[in-house]
Protein backbone atom coordinates (compact mmCIF):
# COMPACT_ATOMS: atom_id res chain seq x y z
CA UNK A 1 -38.37 119.37 -71.87
CA UNK A 2 -40.61 122.47 -72.21
CA UNK A 3 -40.06 125.47 -70.01
CA UNK A 4 -43.09 127.79 -69.56
CA UNK A 5 -43.60 131.00 -67.51
CA UNK A 6 -46.25 130.11 -65.12
CA UNK A 7 -46.38 133.57 -63.59
CA UNK A 8 -46.41 136.21 -62.56
CA UNK A 9 -45.92 137.51 -66.01
CA UNK A 10 -47.15 134.51 -67.82
CA UNK A 11 -45.02 135.18 -70.74
CA UNK A 12 -45.73 132.71 -73.37
CA UNK A 13 -42.16 132.23 -74.47
CA UNK A 14 -41.38 128.59 -74.62
CA UNK A 15 -37.98 127.02 -74.49
CA UNK A 16 -37.99 123.42 -75.49
CA UNK A 17 -35.14 120.99 -75.20
CA UNK A 18 -34.99 117.26 -75.68
CA UNK A 19 -33.60 115.12 -72.70
CA UNK A 20 -32.59 111.39 -72.84
CA UNK A 21 -33.18 109.43 -69.64
CA UNK A 22 -30.89 106.36 -69.51
CA UNK A 23 -32.36 103.14 -68.09
CA UNK A 24 -31.13 102.23 -64.59
CA UNK A 25 -30.58 98.56 -63.77
CA UNK A 26 -32.33 96.85 -60.89
CA UNK A 27 -29.86 94.66 -58.93
CA UNK A 28 -31.20 91.39 -57.63
CA UNK A 29 -30.00 87.79 -57.14
CA UNK A 30 -31.08 84.54 -55.56
CA UNK A 31 -29.29 81.63 -53.84
CA UNK A 32 -30.19 78.28 -52.25
CA UNK A 33 -32.22 78.47 -49.09
CA UNK A 34 -29.88 76.05 -47.29
CA UNK A 35 -26.17 76.44 -47.67
CA UNK A 36 -23.69 74.21 -45.90
CA UNK A 37 -20.01 74.49 -45.34
CA UNK A 38 -17.95 73.33 -48.29
CA UNK A 39 -20.94 73.61 -50.65
CA UNK A 40 -20.39 75.33 -54.02
CA UNK A 41 -23.05 78.07 -53.83
CA UNK A 42 -24.62 79.24 -57.09
CA UNK A 43 -25.64 82.88 -57.00
CA UNK A 44 -28.26 83.34 -59.68
CA UNK A 45 -28.25 86.91 -61.00
CA UNK A 46 -31.81 88.25 -61.39
CA UNK A 47 -30.88 91.89 -62.13
CA UNK A 48 -32.94 93.70 -64.82
CA UNK A 49 -32.66 96.76 -67.08
CA UNK A 50 -35.18 98.19 -69.56
CA UNK A 51 -32.70 98.40 -72.31
CA UNK A 52 -29.10 98.02 -72.93
CA UNK A 53 -26.53 95.86 -71.30
CA UNK A 54 -25.33 95.49 -67.73
CA UNK A 55 -22.07 94.74 -66.03
CA UNK A 56 -21.80 93.02 -62.66
CA UNK A 57 -19.51 93.11 -59.67
CA UNK A 58 -19.87 90.73 -56.71
CA UNK A 59 -18.25 91.14 -53.31
CA UNK A 60 -18.12 88.47 -50.62
CA UNK A 61 -17.52 89.94 -47.16
CA UNK A 62 -17.05 87.86 -43.97
CA UNK A 63 -19.26 89.48 -41.37
CA UNK A 64 -17.17 88.42 -38.38
CA UNK A 65 -14.07 90.18 -39.72
CA UNK A 66 -15.57 92.78 -42.11
CA UNK A 67 -13.05 91.73 -44.71
CA UNK A 68 -13.93 91.23 -48.31
CA UNK A 69 -12.62 87.78 -48.84
CA UNK A 70 -13.32 87.56 -52.55
CA UNK A 71 -15.02 89.17 -55.56
CA UNK A 72 -16.33 88.20 -58.98
CA UNK A 73 -17.62 89.83 -62.19
CA UNK A 74 -19.33 86.71 -63.38
CA UNK A 75 -22.96 86.76 -64.23
CA UNK A 76 -23.82 83.82 -61.99
CA UNK A 77 -20.83 83.03 -59.84
CA UNK A 78 -20.39 79.79 -57.93
CA UNK A 79 -18.51 80.27 -54.72
CA UNK A 80 -17.21 77.93 -52.00
CA UNK A 81 -16.92 79.74 -48.71
CA UNK A 82 -13.84 79.06 -46.61
CA UNK A 83 -15.83 78.19 -43.53
CA UNK A 84 -19.24 78.29 -42.06
CA UNK A 85 -20.70 81.59 -40.73
CA UNK A 86 -22.37 84.80 -41.92
CA UNK A 87 -21.39 86.56 -45.12
CA UNK A 88 -22.60 89.74 -46.82
CA UNK A 89 -23.06 89.22 -50.55
CA UNK A 90 -23.09 92.49 -52.50
CA UNK A 91 -24.10 92.71 -56.16
CA UNK A 92 -23.44 95.95 -58.06
CA UNK A 93 -25.17 96.15 -61.42
CA UNK A 94 -24.19 98.90 -63.90
CA UNK A 95 -25.62 100.18 -67.20
CA UNK A 96 -22.90 99.25 -69.58
CA UNK A 97 -23.54 102.41 -71.78
CA UNK A 98 -24.19 105.17 -69.29
CA UNK A 99 -22.59 103.73 -66.17
CA UNK A 100 -25.66 104.03 -64.03
CA UNK A 101 -25.66 101.36 -61.38
CA UNK A 102 -27.69 99.71 -58.69
CA UNK A 103 -26.60 97.40 -55.87
CA UNK A 104 -28.06 95.11 -53.35
CA UNK A 105 -26.52 93.31 -50.34
CA UNK A 106 -27.95 90.18 -48.84
CA UNK A 107 -26.57 88.50 -45.71
CA UNK A 108 -26.44 84.74 -45.91
CA UNK A 109 -25.58 82.06 -43.42
CA UNK A 110 -23.30 79.14 -44.30
CA UNK A 111 -24.39 76.26 -42.15
CA UNK A 112 -21.86 74.18 -40.19
CA UNK A 113 -21.50 70.55 -41.20
CA UNK A 114 -21.34 68.41 -38.03
CA UNK A 115 -17.99 66.76 -37.39
CA UNK A 116 -18.83 63.12 -36.81
CA UNK A 117 -16.81 61.37 -34.13
CA UNK A 118 -18.27 57.98 -33.33
CA UNK A 119 -17.03 54.57 -32.28
CA UNK A 120 -18.64 51.27 -31.51
CA UNK A 121 -17.92 49.43 -28.28
CA UNK A 122 -18.23 45.90 -29.58
CA UNK A 123 -19.88 43.47 -27.24
CA UNK A 124 -20.38 39.78 -26.73
CA UNK A 125 -23.56 38.04 -27.66
CA UNK A 126 -26.33 38.95 -25.24
CA UNK A 127 -24.78 42.31 -24.37
CA UNK A 128 -25.86 45.42 -26.37
CA UNK A 129 -23.24 47.10 -28.53
CA UNK A 130 -22.78 50.61 -27.24
CA UNK A 131 -22.16 53.47 -29.69
CA UNK A 132 -20.18 56.39 -28.31
CA UNK A 133 -21.09 59.55 -30.28
CA UNK A 134 -18.91 62.59 -29.81
CA UNK A 135 -20.18 64.41 -32.91
CA UNK A 136 -20.05 68.22 -32.52
CA UNK A 137 -21.52 71.32 -34.19
CA UNK A 138 -20.57 74.65 -32.65
CA UNK A 139 -23.47 76.68 -33.99
CA UNK A 140 -26.34 74.36 -33.17
CA UNK A 141 -27.24 71.07 -31.62
CA UNK A 142 -27.13 68.31 -34.19
CA UNK A 143 -29.73 65.64 -34.58
CA UNK A 144 -28.91 62.02 -35.44
CA UNK A 145 -30.22 59.17 -37.48
CA UNK A 146 -28.80 55.68 -36.92
CA UNK A 147 -29.08 52.64 -39.13
CA UNK A 148 -27.63 49.60 -37.32
CA UNK A 149 -27.10 47.62 -40.50
CA UNK A 150 -29.20 44.57 -39.74
CA UNK A 151 -32.21 45.74 -41.71
CA UNK A 152 -34.17 46.20 -38.52
CA UNK A 153 -32.65 48.56 -36.03
CA UNK A 154 -32.68 52.39 -36.20
CA UNK A 155 -32.39 55.12 -33.60
CA UNK A 156 -32.38 58.90 -33.20
CA UNK A 157 -30.61 58.84 -29.85
CA UNK A 158 -27.29 60.53 -29.51
CA UNK A 159 -25.37 57.49 -28.20
CA UNK A 160 -27.63 54.47 -28.44
CA UNK A 161 -27.02 50.85 -27.50
CA UNK A 162 -28.23 48.05 -29.69
CA UNK A 163 -28.50 44.31 -29.16
CA UNK A 164 -28.13 42.27 -32.32
CA UNK A 165 -30.09 39.06 -32.46
CA UNK A 166 -27.48 37.32 -34.58
CA UNK A 167 -23.77 37.62 -33.81
CA UNK A 168 -21.59 38.97 -36.57
CA UNK A 169 -20.20 42.15 -38.09
CA UNK A 170 -22.45 45.01 -39.20
CA UNK A 171 -21.99 48.31 -41.09
CA UNK A 172 -23.62 51.03 -39.01
CA UNK A 173 -24.46 54.40 -40.62
CA UNK A 174 -24.81 57.64 -38.66
CA UNK A 175 -26.31 60.79 -40.23
CA UNK A 176 -25.74 63.94 -38.18
CA UNK A 177 -27.71 67.12 -39.07
CA UNK A 178 -27.16 70.65 -37.76
CA UNK A 179 -28.93 73.74 -39.15
CA UNK A 180 -29.98 71.77 -42.15
CA UNK A 181 -26.47 70.58 -42.85
CA UNK A 182 -25.75 66.88 -42.63
CA UNK A 183 -22.83 64.52 -42.67
CA UNK A 184 -22.72 60.77 -42.44
CA UNK A 185 -20.25 58.08 -41.50
CA UNK A 186 -20.27 54.31 -41.72
CA UNK A 187 -18.46 52.28 -39.08
CA UNK A 188 -18.14 48.57 -38.37
CA UNK A 189 -19.77 47.12 -35.28
CA UNK A 190 -19.42 43.56 -34.01
CA UNK A 191 -21.71 41.47 -31.89
CA UNK A 192 -19.22 38.77 -30.96
CA UNK A 193 -20.44 35.21 -30.61
CA UNK A 194 -20.44 33.86 -27.07
CA UNK A 195 -19.39 30.25 -26.52
CA UNK A 196 -21.84 27.69 -25.19
CA UNK A 197 -19.72 25.71 -22.73
CA UNK A 198 -20.32 22.05 -22.08
CA UNK A 199 -18.20 19.05 -21.17
CA UNK A 200 -18.49 15.37 -20.41
CA UNK A 201 -17.50 14.59 -16.82
CA UNK A 202 -16.31 11.09 -15.90
CA UNK A 203 -19.00 8.94 -14.32
CA UNK A 204 -19.20 5.77 -12.25
CA UNK A 205 -16.80 5.04 -9.43
CA UNK A 206 -13.77 7.26 -9.64
CA UNK A 207 -10.76 6.78 -7.41
CA UNK A 208 -8.36 9.56 -6.58
CA UNK A 209 -5.44 7.76 -8.20
CA UNK A 210 -7.14 7.71 -11.59
CA UNK A 211 -6.21 10.13 -14.35
CA UNK A 212 -9.53 11.45 -15.68
CA UNK A 213 -10.25 12.71 -19.18
CA UNK A 214 -12.57 15.72 -19.46
CA UNK A 215 -14.14 16.00 -22.94
CA UNK A 216 -14.86 19.58 -24.02
CA UNK A 217 -18.11 19.84 -26.04
CA UNK A 218 -18.22 23.64 -26.18
CA UNK A 219 -19.78 25.20 -29.30
CA UNK A 220 -19.62 28.72 -30.70
CA UNK A 221 -21.49 30.27 -33.65
CA UNK A 222 -18.45 32.09 -35.02
CA UNK A 223 -14.75 31.84 -34.37
CA UNK A 224 -13.12 29.58 -31.82
CA UNK A 225 -13.09 29.27 -28.06
CA UNK A 226 -10.36 28.49 -25.56
CA UNK A 227 -10.86 26.88 -22.17
CA UNK A 228 -10.03 27.55 -18.54
CA UNK A 229 -10.66 24.65 -16.16
CA UNK A 230 -10.91 25.01 -12.38
CA UNK A 231 -10.91 21.64 -10.62
CA UNK A 232 -11.55 23.08 -7.11
CA UNK A 233 -8.58 21.04 -5.96
CA UNK A 234 -5.94 23.20 -4.30
CA UNK A 235 -6.33 25.92 -6.96
CA UNK A 236 -5.36 23.57 -9.75
CA UNK A 237 -6.16 25.06 -13.19
CA UNK A 238 -5.72 24.00 -16.80
CA UNK A 239 -5.95 25.76 -20.15
CA UNK A 240 -5.95 22.57 -22.19
CA UNK A 241 -8.98 22.20 -24.43
CA UNK A 242 -9.80 18.71 -23.11
CA UNK A 243 -7.46 18.11 -20.17
CA UNK A 244 -6.55 15.01 -18.20
CA UNK A 245 -6.44 15.43 -14.44
CA UNK A 246 -5.86 13.39 -11.30
CA UNK A 247 -7.43 14.64 -8.08
CA UNK A 248 -5.22 14.84 -5.01
CA UNK A 249 -7.71 13.33 -2.58
CA UNK A 250 -11.27 12.08 -2.28
CA UNK A 251 -14.41 14.20 -2.03
CA UNK A 252 -16.97 16.07 -4.11
CA UNK A 253 -15.45 18.61 -6.48
CA UNK A 254 -17.13 21.38 -8.50
CA UNK A 255 -15.37 21.28 -11.86
CA UNK A 256 -15.89 24.56 -13.70
CA UNK A 257 -15.24 25.09 -17.41
CA UNK A 258 -14.99 28.68 -18.55
CA UNK A 259 -15.01 29.00 -22.33
CA UNK A 260 -13.37 32.09 -23.78
CA UNK A 261 -13.79 33.23 -27.38
CA UNK A 262 -11.02 34.86 -29.35
CA UNK A 263 -12.67 38.22 -28.59
CA UNK A 264 -12.88 37.60 -24.85
CA UNK A 265 -16.52 36.51 -24.65
CA UNK A 266 -16.96 34.04 -21.83
CA UNK A 267 -19.48 31.68 -20.37
CA UNK A 268 -19.09 28.87 -17.90
CA UNK A 269 -20.64 25.62 -16.76
CA UNK A 270 -20.02 23.72 -13.51
CA UNK A 271 -20.49 20.00 -12.89
CA UNK A 272 -19.83 17.93 -9.79
CA UNK A 273 -17.42 15.01 -9.76
CA UNK A 274 -17.39 12.57 -6.82
CA UNK A 275 -13.98 11.08 -6.07
CA UNK A 276 -13.36 8.11 -3.76
CA UNK A 277 -10.13 8.37 -1.83
CA UNK A 278 -7.65 5.84 -3.18
CA UNK A 279 -4.93 4.35 -1.03
CA UNK A 280 -1.30 5.15 -1.76
CA UNK A 281 0.63 1.92 -1.75
CA UNK A 282 4.20 1.97 -0.51
CA UNK A 283 6.54 -0.23 1.46
CA UNK A 284 9.93 -0.30 3.12
CA UNK A 285 12.27 -3.21 3.53
CA UNK A 286 15.61 -4.17 4.96
CA UNK A 287 18.49 -5.46 2.87
CA UNK A 288 17.80 -8.01 0.14
CA UNK A 289 20.08 -10.96 0.80
CA UNK A 290 20.02 -14.37 -0.79
CA UNK A 291 20.22 -16.50 2.34
CA UNK A 292 18.33 -14.30 4.80
CA UNK A 293 14.63 -13.45 4.85
CA UNK A 294 13.72 -9.90 3.86
CA UNK A 295 11.29 -8.15 6.18
CA UNK A 296 8.79 -5.97 4.32
CA UNK A 297 6.94 -3.14 6.06
CA UNK A 298 3.68 -1.84 4.61
CA UNK A 299 3.89 1.98 4.73
CA UNK A 300 0.84 2.65 2.56
CA UNK A 301 -1.41 5.61 3.31
CA UNK A 302 -5.13 6.39 3.02
CA UNK A 303 -6.07 2.71 2.97
CA UNK A 304 -8.50 2.98 5.88
CA UNK A 305 -9.07 0.22 8.39
CA UNK A 306 -10.59 -2.56 6.29
CA UNK A 307 -8.13 -3.03 3.49
CA UNK A 308 -6.39 -5.88 1.77
CA UNK A 309 -2.71 -6.26 0.96
CA UNK A 310 -1.47 -8.46 -1.86
CA UNK A 311 2.25 -9.00 -2.33
CA UNK A 312 3.88 -10.38 -5.46
CA UNK A 313 7.57 -11.00 -4.85
CA UNK A 314 8.42 -11.54 -8.50
CA UNK A 315 9.73 -15.04 -7.98
CA UNK A 316 6.43 -16.87 -8.26
CA UNK A 317 5.51 -16.47 -4.61
CA UNK A 318 3.05 -14.10 -2.94
CA UNK A 319 1.61 -13.13 0.42
CA UNK A 320 -1.50 -11.48 1.85
CA UNK A 321 0.14 -10.52 5.14
CA UNK A 322 0.43 -6.88 6.02
CA UNK A 323 4.15 -7.04 6.83
CA UNK A 324 5.50 -10.28 5.40
CA UNK A 325 8.92 -11.82 5.59
CA UNK A 326 10.21 -13.48 2.44
CA UNK A 327 13.02 -15.91 1.69
CA UNK A 328 14.61 -15.71 -1.75
CA UNK A 329 15.44 -18.76 -3.79
CA UNK A 330 18.47 -17.16 -5.41
CA UNK A 331 20.15 -13.86 -5.96
CA UNK A 332 19.11 -11.69 -8.91
CA UNK A 333 16.69 -8.93 -9.92
CA UNK A 334 13.02 -9.10 -8.91
CA UNK A 335 10.00 -6.85 -9.31
CA UNK A 336 8.23 -6.69 -5.96
CA UNK A 337 4.65 -5.43 -6.21
CA UNK A 338 2.30 -4.43 -3.41
CA UNK A 339 -1.39 -3.97 -4.22
CA UNK A 340 -3.57 -2.24 -1.61
CA UNK A 341 -7.36 -2.54 -1.94
CA UNK A 342 -9.36 -0.19 0.29
CA UNK A 343 -12.86 -0.85 1.60
CA UNK A 344 -14.26 1.40 -1.16
CA UNK A 345 -12.60 -1.01 -3.70
CA UNK A 346 -10.12 1.64 -4.83
CA UNK A 347 -6.69 0.12 -5.35
CA UNK A 348 -3.14 1.31 -5.49
CA UNK A 349 -0.08 -0.53 -6.74
CA UNK A 350 3.53 0.07 -5.79
CA UNK A 351 6.24 -1.79 -7.68
CA UNK A 352 9.92 -1.69 -6.86
CA UNK A 353 12.73 -3.38 -8.74
CA UNK A 354 15.06 -4.88 -6.19
CA UNK A 355 18.41 -6.61 -6.36
CA UNK A 356 18.82 -9.69 -4.18
CA UNK A 357 22.51 -9.82 -3.39
CA UNK A 358 24.53 -13.02 -3.27
CA UNK A 359 25.21 -14.28 0.22
CA UNK A 360 27.42 -17.11 1.41
CA UNK A 361 26.41 -20.05 3.56
CA UNK A 362 28.51 -19.63 6.68
CA UNK A 363 29.51 -22.54 8.89
CA UNK A 364 32.45 -23.83 10.84
CA UNK A 365 33.23 -26.82 13.02
CA UNK A 366 35.28 -27.01 16.15
CA UNK A 367 35.56 -29.50 18.97
CA UNK A 368 35.56 -28.74 22.63
CA UNK A 369 38.78 -27.24 23.82
CA UNK A 370 41.05 -27.75 26.71
CA UNK A 371 42.63 -24.88 28.50
CA UNK A 372 45.92 -23.83 27.01
CA UNK A 373 45.66 -26.26 24.15
CA UNK A 374 45.67 -24.83 20.55
CA UNK A 375 42.31 -25.30 18.88
CA UNK A 376 41.74 -25.15 15.12
CA UNK A 377 38.52 -23.84 13.60
CA UNK A 378 37.50 -25.59 10.40
CA UNK A 379 35.79 -23.10 8.04
CA UNK A 380 32.99 -24.77 6.03
CA UNK A 381 31.59 -21.57 4.44
CA UNK A 382 30.70 -21.60 0.72
CA UNK A 383 29.28 -19.32 -1.96
CA UNK A 384 28.01 -20.01 -5.48
CA UNK A 385 30.23 -17.42 -7.12
CA UNK A 386 32.93 -15.04 -5.99
CA UNK A 387 35.69 -14.87 -3.42
CA UNK A 388 34.92 -14.86 0.29
CA UNK A 389 36.59 -12.80 2.97
CA UNK A 390 36.26 -13.63 6.66
CA UNK A 391 36.12 -11.93 10.00
CA UNK A 392 36.35 -14.08 13.14
CA UNK A 393 35.48 -13.04 16.66
CA UNK A 394 36.97 -15.83 18.73
CA UNK A 395 35.26 -14.79 21.94
CA UNK A 396 38.46 -14.41 23.92
CA UNK A 397 39.21 -10.85 22.86
CA UNK A 398 41.01 -11.84 19.70
CA UNK A 399 39.91 -11.60 16.07
CA UNK A 400 41.20 -13.07 12.84
CA UNK A 401 40.72 -12.75 9.09
CA UNK A 402 42.22 -16.18 8.37
CA UNK A 403 40.14 -18.79 6.68
CA UNK A 404 40.64 -21.31 9.49
CA UNK A 405 42.35 -19.68 12.45
CA UNK A 406 43.91 -21.30 15.54
CA UNK A 407 43.73 -19.95 19.07
CA UNK A 408 44.02 -21.02 22.70
CA UNK A 409 41.82 -20.46 25.73
CA UNK A 410 43.10 -20.37 29.31
CA UNK A 411 40.52 -21.25 31.94
CA UNK A 412 40.58 -22.59 35.45
CA UNK A 413 36.97 -23.73 35.40
CA UNK A 414 34.62 -24.93 32.69
CA UNK A 415 33.84 -21.91 30.50
CA UNK A 416 31.81 -21.15 27.37
CA UNK A 417 32.91 -18.76 24.59
CA UNK A 418 30.73 -17.49 21.69
CA UNK A 419 32.69 -17.67 18.45
CA UNK A 420 31.32 -15.69 15.47
CA UNK A 421 32.31 -16.05 11.84
CA UNK A 422 31.24 -13.42 9.28
CA UNK A 423 31.77 -14.16 5.60
CA UNK A 424 31.38 -11.59 2.81
CA UNK A 425 31.40 -11.97 -0.96
CA UNK A 426 32.23 -8.97 -3.16
CA UNK A 427 29.05 -7.03 -4.04
CA UNK A 428 26.98 -9.21 -1.76
CA UNK A 429 25.58 -9.49 1.72
CA UNK A 430 27.53 -10.64 4.73
CA UNK A 431 26.44 -13.71 6.65
CA UNK A 432 27.29 -14.53 10.22
CA UNK A 433 27.07 -17.65 12.30
CA UNK A 434 27.79 -17.81 16.03
CA UNK A 435 28.49 -20.99 17.93
CA UNK A 436 29.42 -21.59 21.55
CA UNK A 437 32.59 -23.47 22.36
CA UNK A 438 33.13 -25.15 25.69
CA UNK A 439 36.61 -24.89 27.14
CA UNK A 440 37.50 -27.20 29.99
CA UNK A 441 40.31 -26.82 32.49
CA UNK A 442 43.12 -29.36 32.26
CA UNK A 443 43.35 -31.98 35.02
CA UNK A 444 45.82 -31.44 37.87
CA UNK A 445 48.82 -33.61 37.19
CA UNK A 446 51.32 -34.79 39.77
CA UNK A 447 51.71 -37.72 42.13
CA UNK A 448 53.58 -38.84 45.18
CA UNK A 449 55.78 -41.96 45.44
CA UNK A 450 56.51 -43.09 48.97
CA UNK A 451 59.04 -45.71 49.86
CA UNK A 452 57.23 -48.19 52.09
CA UNK A 453 59.32 -51.24 52.66
CA UNK A 454 62.22 -53.28 51.45
CA UNK A 455 62.32 -57.02 51.38
CA UNK A 456 64.35 -59.67 49.83
CA UNK A 457 61.93 -59.68 46.96
CA UNK A 458 62.33 -55.97 46.18
CA UNK A 459 61.43 -52.46 47.18
CA UNK A 460 57.79 -51.46 47.84
CA UNK A 461 56.54 -47.99 46.64
CA UNK A 462 53.14 -46.44 47.29
CA UNK A 463 51.95 -44.20 44.40
CA UNK A 464 49.19 -41.65 44.84
CA UNK A 465 47.95 -39.20 42.17
CA UNK A 466 46.60 -35.75 43.06
CA UNK A 467 42.97 -36.39 43.74
CA UNK A 468 40.27 -35.30 41.22
CA UNK A 469 36.91 -36.61 40.14
CA UNK A 470 36.06 -38.35 36.91
CA UNK A 471 39.60 -38.79 35.74
CA UNK A 472 41.30 -41.80 34.27
CA UNK A 473 44.92 -42.62 35.02
CA UNK A 474 47.59 -44.22 32.94
CA UNK A 475 50.82 -45.16 34.75
CA UNK A 476 54.11 -46.14 33.15
CA UNK A 477 56.40 -47.59 35.85
CA UNK A 478 59.62 -47.47 33.97
CA UNK A 479 60.89 -50.80 32.80
CA UNK A 480 58.17 -52.48 34.85
CA UNK A 481 55.70 -51.25 32.24
CA UNK A 482 52.12 -50.08 32.72
CA UNK A 483 50.67 -49.73 36.11
CA UNK A 484 47.06 -50.10 37.21
CA UNK A 485 44.54 -47.39 36.07
CA UNK A 486 44.03 -46.25 39.64
CA UNK A 487 44.64 -42.99 41.39
CA UNK A 488 46.70 -44.74 44.05
CA UNK A 489 48.26 -48.17 44.39
CA UNK A 490 51.21 -50.13 45.84
CA UNK A 491 53.94 -51.50 43.60
CA UNK A 492 56.97 -53.55 44.45
CA UNK A 493 59.97 -53.00 42.27
CA UNK A 494 62.24 -55.93 41.73
CA UNK A 495 65.48 -54.12 41.29
CA UNK A 496 67.10 -51.54 43.48
CA UNK A 497 67.75 -48.89 40.85
CA UNK A 498 66.07 -45.63 39.64
CA UNK A 499 62.77 -45.95 37.78
CA UNK A 500 61.25 -43.21 35.49
CA UNK A 501 57.57 -43.20 36.44
CA UNK A 502 55.11 -41.30 34.22
CA UNK A 503 51.47 -40.49 34.95
CA UNK A 504 49.01 -39.39 32.23
CA UNK A 505 45.67 -38.08 33.56
CA UNK A 506 42.56 -37.61 31.36
CA UNK A 507 39.57 -35.82 32.92
CA UNK A 508 35.91 -36.21 31.98
CA UNK A 509 36.23 -33.55 29.22
CA UNK A 510 39.04 -35.53 27.65
CA UNK A 511 41.60 -32.95 28.70
CA UNK A 512 44.84 -34.49 29.77
CA UNK A 513 48.14 -33.76 31.41
CA UNK A 514 51.32 -35.74 32.14
CA UNK A 515 53.66 -35.85 35.08
CA UNK A 516 56.99 -37.68 35.41
CA UNK A 517 59.19 -38.54 38.37
CA UNK A 518 62.30 -40.64 38.83
CA UNK A 519 61.88 -42.98 41.77
CA UNK A 520 65.17 -43.44 43.72
CA UNK A 521 65.82 -46.07 46.37
CA UNK A 522 68.05 -44.90 49.28
CA UNK A 523 70.38 -47.42 50.93
CA UNK A 524 68.62 -49.29 53.74
CA UNK A 525 68.46 -52.78 55.42
CA UNK A 526 65.76 -55.37 55.62
CA UNK A 527 65.00 -56.93 59.08
CA UNK A 528 62.68 -59.75 59.97
CA UNK A 529 60.03 -58.79 62.47
CA UNK A 530 61.25 -61.68 64.64
CA UNK A 531 64.59 -59.95 64.93
CA UNK A 532 63.07 -56.92 66.63
CA UNK A 533 61.14 -56.82 69.82
CA UNK A 534 57.79 -56.02 68.26
CA UNK A 535 54.53 -57.76 68.88
CA UNK A 536 51.62 -57.54 66.48
CA UNK A 537 48.25 -58.94 67.36
CA UNK A 538 44.75 -58.12 66.32
CA UNK A 539 41.81 -57.45 68.59
CA UNK A 540 38.72 -59.02 66.99
CA UNK A 541 36.41 -57.41 69.48
CA UNK A 542 37.51 -53.87 68.70
CA UNK A 543 38.63 -54.58 65.15
CA UNK A 544 41.99 -53.02 65.95
CA UNK A 545 45.50 -54.05 65.16
CA UNK A 546 47.84 -53.75 68.18
CA UNK A 547 51.55 -53.22 67.55
CA UNK A 548 53.92 -53.15 70.49
CA UNK A 549 57.73 -53.17 70.64
CA UNK A 550 60.87 -51.60 71.89
CA UNK A 551 62.21 -48.62 69.99
CA UNK A 552 59.09 -48.33 67.85
CA UNK A 553 58.60 -44.67 67.08
CA UNK A 554 56.05 -44.72 64.26
CA UNK A 555 54.06 -47.24 62.27
CA UNK A 556 52.81 -46.78 58.70
CA UNK A 557 50.01 -48.92 57.39
CA UNK A 558 49.86 -49.61 53.63
């Protein structure tokens, strides 16, 4: 350094000194043009100095808070910022010998990395898979790049939908970029296979009583498929893969098969099935007894008007009548089958196993009865096996459980009584027979014996029975023996003593009665007609017999 007087005196004294000027550093640094959150940022120190050495001091200040969050004395520090945002980066460069320094501050921006939030709404074949993208970046609006993983599909939409041509699983990649900062995520997306429903419906004539087999021919590219069947028949459903089903009535039915994959993908197919109404065979009957015909009643339904009935009684016999009656050849077990054939040729069969119960043959014999006379009933009932019990209704208000009972009937006129015998074998059917019995009144017995005359040859008696029609008479005149079979007659007894006279009367019904009297002879005398003043002479003209005499009070003609 030279000091000179430049006036006003312009002295020419010169003072000279030597000065050393130290070199001053020039602070400078560089960094990447795009910095993203979580990046390790390299700060490249570009500071210079003409000579000597330099020292360095870095300060990292968060602009939003004004706080120095870190520092470094490295030449080229690498720093990871705690979060995205603006930062002031200060570099102080110093001459290592003289301490002269220089600094520079540069504000940088750490870009935000988008936070990817994405999901795939998987879909069934034929329906696009929808991607729901909720990716966010607070400092800018991100852009997107999609790769749908099938080698074909891409998109830049925020939330695209994509239809895969082939069902399956795909790895879908999403790249989200905001302020030059990107992130990516790979998710799985599925285009589920949809079943192709098909089935074989029964064909030909189908009757409503048939159990039909539905064959499921559904196919699916991947996975398996279940089935839901709707038979359109009173809300009847089935989840069997290949169900069997019997329709409840006749008609045309839309049978719908809905195939469901394991991921809920569905498709359906509907086919019509025509069902002819089948009859429902059924029958009623009364009791099955060995010796009595069984009456069968056809109670079938839905057979229409022109139908046929075929009965098989299980004992080798049959009938085509609608309501037949059948006699059994023996007791035992039989399978009775009724087959109904409708006009549409649909048939129905009803079979019942029946037990024909043993039943006795009931009979009895009895002759006609006379009033008041005991009558015995001869029981002729029989059964192949077992013990019989009996119940009699004798028609006169009395009953009996005897095998062959005895009773009497009291009548005054010819009367008829219905006698019933019911026989029962254990575990079997009862059998009853009813027969009429005729009961006749007994004849009226009794007679009169009138003393008529007395003669040297004996005593004359006039016998007269109580009058009745159609009777026969048997007289026993004591020791004189049998009398004539007449209702009235004259008999002369030889001896004057008592005679026991008996009359037995039998009427036309062979009912009989007896009557007995002792004939007494009162003391009397016998006179010749010439000894009394009596005249007897006939009158041929008037056919009269004239009797005249003294003291004649009455005349009896025998």
